[in-house]
């Protein structure tokens, strides 16, 4: 199995911490030298290990942000708000 290469480009927020010390974080992460994406997942205290997570493009993150804030989707978006949830 090929080695997974990653670089945390920007640490944005710690969303929570488990009793074992792992933190759920929102970061911008570059995976395998691709452009960085928004990333939500659990990390070990030294960031050497990670749990399963989700990555979002800038557009997907902005759509999620707008939905959470109750803002309408901007014109030209392909997001159908009725299909979310």
Protein backbone atom coordinates (compact mmCIF):
# COMPACT_ATOMS: atom_id res chain seq x y z
CA UNK A 1 0.00 0.00 0.00
CA UNK A 2 1.36 3.43 -0.96
CA UNK A 3 2.26 5.81 1.82
CA UNK A 4 -0.25 8.59 2.45
CA UNK A 5 1.40 12.00 2.27
CA UNK A 6 -0.25 14.97 3.97
CA UNK A 7 0.56 18.47 5.14
CA UNK A 8 -1.61 20.55 7.44
CA UNK A 9 -1.38 23.89 5.64
CA UNK A 10 -3.62 25.84 8.02
CA UNK A 11 -5.03 24.95 11.43
CA UNK A 12 -8.42 26.65 11.66
CA UNK A 13 -10.25 25.31 14.74
CA UNK A 14 -10.37 22.57 17.35
CA UNK A 15 -13.98 21.41 17.50
CA UNK A 16 -13.65 19.03 20.44
CA UNK A 17 -11.37 16.68 22.35
CA UNK A 18 -11.85 13.02 23.26
CA UNK A 19 -10.90 11.55 26.65
CA UNK A 20 -7.86 9.92 25.04
CA UNK A 21 -6.51 13.31 23.93
CA UNK A 22 -7.38 13.18 20.24
CA UNK A 23 -8.88 16.40 18.85
CA UNK A 24 -11.51 16.84 16.18
CA UNK A 25 -10.24 19.66 14.00
CA UNK A 26 -11.10 21.81 11.03
CA UNK A 27 -7.94 22.34 8.98
CA UNK A 28 -6.79 23.01 5.43
CA UNK A 29 -4.87 19.87 4.42
CA UNK A 30 -2.91 19.01 1.30
CA UNK A 31 -3.19 15.28 0.57
CA UNK A 32 -0.53 13.68 -1.68
CA UNK A 33 0.71 17.08 -2.90
CA UNK A 34 -2.71 18.14 -4.24
CA UNK A 35 -4.09 21.62 -3.45
CA UNK A 36 -5.25 21.95 0.16
CA UNK A 37 -8.91 21.32 0.97
CA UNK A 38 -10.97 21.92 4.08
CA UNK A 39 -10.76 18.83 6.26
CA UNK A 40 -12.67 17.71 9.37
CA UNK A 41 -11.30 14.69 11.27
CA UNK A 42 -9.79 13.49 14.55
CA UNK A 43 -6.04 13.80 15.05
CA UNK A 44 -3.68 12.31 17.62
CA UNK A 45 -2.01 14.89 19.89
CA UNK A 46 1.16 14.98 17.72
CA UNK A 47 -0.77 14.85 14.40
CA UNK A 48 1.07 11.66 13.41
CA UNK A 49 -2.16 9.63 13.24
CA UNK A 50 -5.65 10.49 12.10
CA UNK A 51 -9.16 9.09 12.09
CA UNK A 52 -11.60 8.97 9.20
CA UNK A 53 -12.82 12.33 8.09
CA UNK A 54 -14.31 14.39 5.33
CA UNK A 55 -12.66 16.79 2.90
CA UNK A 56 -14.47 19.68 1.24
CA UNK A 57 -13.52 21.89 -1.70
CA UNK A 58 -13.72 25.65 -1.19
CA UNK A 59 -17.09 25.66 -2.95
CA UNK A 60 -18.47 22.79 -0.83
CA UNK A 61 -17.23 24.44 2.37
CA UNK A 62 -18.85 27.74 1.37
CA UNK A 63 -22.15 25.97 0.60
CA UNK A 64 -22.03 24.26 4.02
CA UNK A 65 -21.20 27.56 5.75
CA UNK A 66 -24.13 29.30 4.03
CA UNK A 67 -26.49 26.47 4.96
CA UNK A 68 -25.43 26.55 8.63
CA UNK A 69 -25.90 30.33 8.73
CA UNK A 70 -29.31 30.03 7.06
CA UNK A 71 -28.21 32.02 4.03
CA UNK A 72 -29.69 31.27 0.61
CA UNK A 73 -27.47 29.65 -1.98
CA UNK A 74 -25.92 32.29 -4.22
CA UNK A 75 -27.01 32.57 -7.86
CA UNK A 76 -25.47 30.00 -10.15
CA UNK A 77 -24.87 27.42 -7.44
CA UNK A 78 -25.63 23.81 -8.24
CA UNK A 79 -26.67 23.13 -4.65
CA UNK A 80 -30.37 22.30 -4.30
CA UNK A 81 -31.09 23.20 -0.66
CA UNK A 82 -34.19 20.96 -0.64
CA UNK A 83 -31.89 17.93 -1.12
CA UNK A 84 -29.68 18.75 1.88
CA UNK A 85 -30.51 16.58 4.91
